[in-house]
């Protein structure tokens, strides 16, 4: 199991896309890449460019998990607890559907 740790936000998903590309097209190995993304970094363009490349190269070996905790470095995040807003943005990229693509918050709704 390889790990890629960063102090710099916004680079986990782009790095994960690179690793998934290498696994699929260079190494031709069946491994999976899992990336944990914070909701604060989801406001960055580099994250959406990485999602775009994942769709373009059909990286079904890449799973992005978004931790929506509403906390940014300087206060609440733009979308807060609005999981539907995140889902609409991601679904707009026409990502392949996954049965576990969304989970609900532990909070009562």
Protein backbone atom coordinates (compact mmCIF):
# COMPACT_ATOMS: atom_id res chain seq x y z
CA UNK A 1 0.00 0.00 0.00
CA UNK A 2 1.55 3.26 -1.11
CA UNK A 3 0.86 6.59 0.52
CA UNK A 4 1.29 10.12 -0.68
CA UNK A 5 1.06 12.71 2.08
CA UNK A 6 0.95 16.42 1.57
CA UNK A 7 0.87 19.46 3.78
CA UNK A 8 -0.32 21.40 0.77
CA UNK A 9 -4.04 21.17 0.14
CA UNK A 10 -5.35 20.79 -3.39
CA UNK A 11 -2.71 18.31 -4.52
CA UNK A 12 -4.09 14.98 -3.26
CA UNK A 13 -6.60 14.38 -6.05
CA UNK A 14 -4.30 15.55 -8.86
CA UNK A 15 -1.60 13.22 -7.51
CA UNK A 16 -4.16 10.42 -7.20
CA UNK A 17 -5.15 10.90 -10.84
CA UNK A 18 -1.49 10.59 -11.81
CA UNK A 19 -1.08 7.38 -9.83
CA UNK A 20 -4.31 5.95 -11.29
CA UNK A 21 -3.12 6.85 -14.80
CA UNK A 22 0.19 5.10 -14.18
CA UNK A 23 -1.57 2.01 -12.88
CA UNK A 24 -3.98 1.82 -15.76
CA UNK A 25 -1.84 2.79 -18.76
CA UNK A 26 1.85 2.39 -17.79
CA UNK A 27 2.06 -0.43 -15.24
CA UNK A 28 -1.14 -2.07 -16.51
CA UNK A 29 -1.86 -3.34 -13.01
CA UNK A 30 -5.31 -3.74 -11.44
CA UNK A 31 -4.71 -1.64 -8.34
CA UNK A 32 -7.10 0.96 -6.96
CA UNK A 33 -6.34 4.50 -5.83
CA UNK A 34 -8.29 6.08 -2.97
CA UNK A 35 -8.07 9.82 -2.27
CA UNK A 36 -9.52 11.58 0.76
CA UNK A 37 -10.50 15.16 -0.16
CA UNK A 38 -11.55 17.92 2.20
CA UNK A 39 -14.53 20.11 1.39
CA UNK A 40 -12.37 23.23 1.69
CA UNK A 41 -10.10 22.08 -1.14
CA UNK A 42 -13.14 21.31 -3.32
CA UNK A 43 -13.34 25.06 -3.99
CA UNK A 44 -10.01 24.92 -5.85
CA UNK A 45 -9.78 24.70 -9.63
CA UNK A 46 -7.06 22.05 -9.52
CA UNK A 47 -9.51 19.62 -7.94
CA UNK A 48 -12.04 20.06 -10.76
CA UNK A 49 -9.30 19.77 -13.39
CA UNK A 50 -8.30 16.48 -11.77
CA UNK A 51 -11.91 15.25 -11.85
CA UNK A 52 -12.06 16.27 -15.52
CA UNK A 53 -8.94 14.23 -16.34
CA UNK A 54 -10.27 11.25 -14.40
CA UNK A 55 -13.39 11.32 -16.57
CA UNK A 56 -11.44 11.86 -19.80
CA UNK A 57 -9.12 8.90 -19.14
CA UNK A 58 -11.97 6.76 -17.72
CA UNK A 59 -10.16 6.10 -14.45
CA UNK A 60 -12.55 3.66 -12.83
CA UNK A 61 -9.63 2.59 -10.62
CA UNK A 62 -9.81 5.96 -8.79
CA UNK A 63 -12.14 6.66 -5.88
CA UNK A 64 -12.42 10.14 -4.37
CA UNK A 65 -13.96 10.44 -0.91
CA UNK A 66 -15.03 13.95 0.07
CA UNK A 67 -15.06 14.73 3.79
CA UNK A 68 -17.70 17.42 4.18
CA UNK A 69 -17.17 18.93 7.63
CA UNK A 70 -17.89 22.57 6.69
CA UNK A 71 -14.56 23.75 8.13
CA UNK A 72 -12.08 25.82 6.10
CA UNK A 73 -8.89 27.53 7.20
CA UNK A 74 -10.61 30.89 7.54
CA UNK A 75 -14.11 29.88 8.53
CA UNK A 76 -17.02 27.89 7.08
CA UNK A 77 -16.71 26.51 3.56
CA UNK A 78 -18.71 27.96 0.67
CA UNK A 79 -21.21 25.10 0.42
CA UNK A 80 -21.34 24.21 4.11
CA UNK A 81 -23.30 21.00 4.73
CA UNK A 82 -25.04 21.10 1.33
CA UNK A 83 -24.24 17.58 0.11
CA UNK A 84 -26.69 17.97 -2.77
CA UNK A 85 -24.64 20.89 -4.14
CA UNK A 86 -21.48 18.76 -4.13
CA UNK A 87 -23.38 15.92 -5.80
CA UNK A 88 -24.73 18.21 -8.54
CA UNK A 89 -21.26 19.56 -9.31
CA UNK A 90 -19.70 16.12 -9.49
CA UNK A 91 -22.59 14.61 -11.47
CA UNK A 92 -22.24 17.49 -13.94
CA UNK A 93 -18.89 15.99 -14.94
CA UNK A 94 -20.69 12.82 -16.02
CA UNK A 95 -18.68 10.59 -13.75
CA UNK A 96 -19.64 6.93 -13.89
CA UNK A 97 -22.27 6.12 -11.29
CA UNK A 98 -21.16 4.19 -8.25
CA UNK A 99 -23.56 2.56 -5.81
CA UNK A 100 -21.83 4.22 -2.84
CA UNK A 101 -21.31 7.61 -4.45
CA UNK A 102 -23.07 9.44 -1.63
CA UNK A 103 -23.57 8.92 2.05
CA UNK A 104 -25.44 11.08 4.48
CA UNK A 105 -23.91 13.01 7.30
CA UNK A 106 -24.03 11.54 10.78
CA UNK A 107 -26.06 14.58 11.86
CA UNK A 108 -29.83 14.36 12.10
CA UNK A 109 -31.56 15.98 9.14
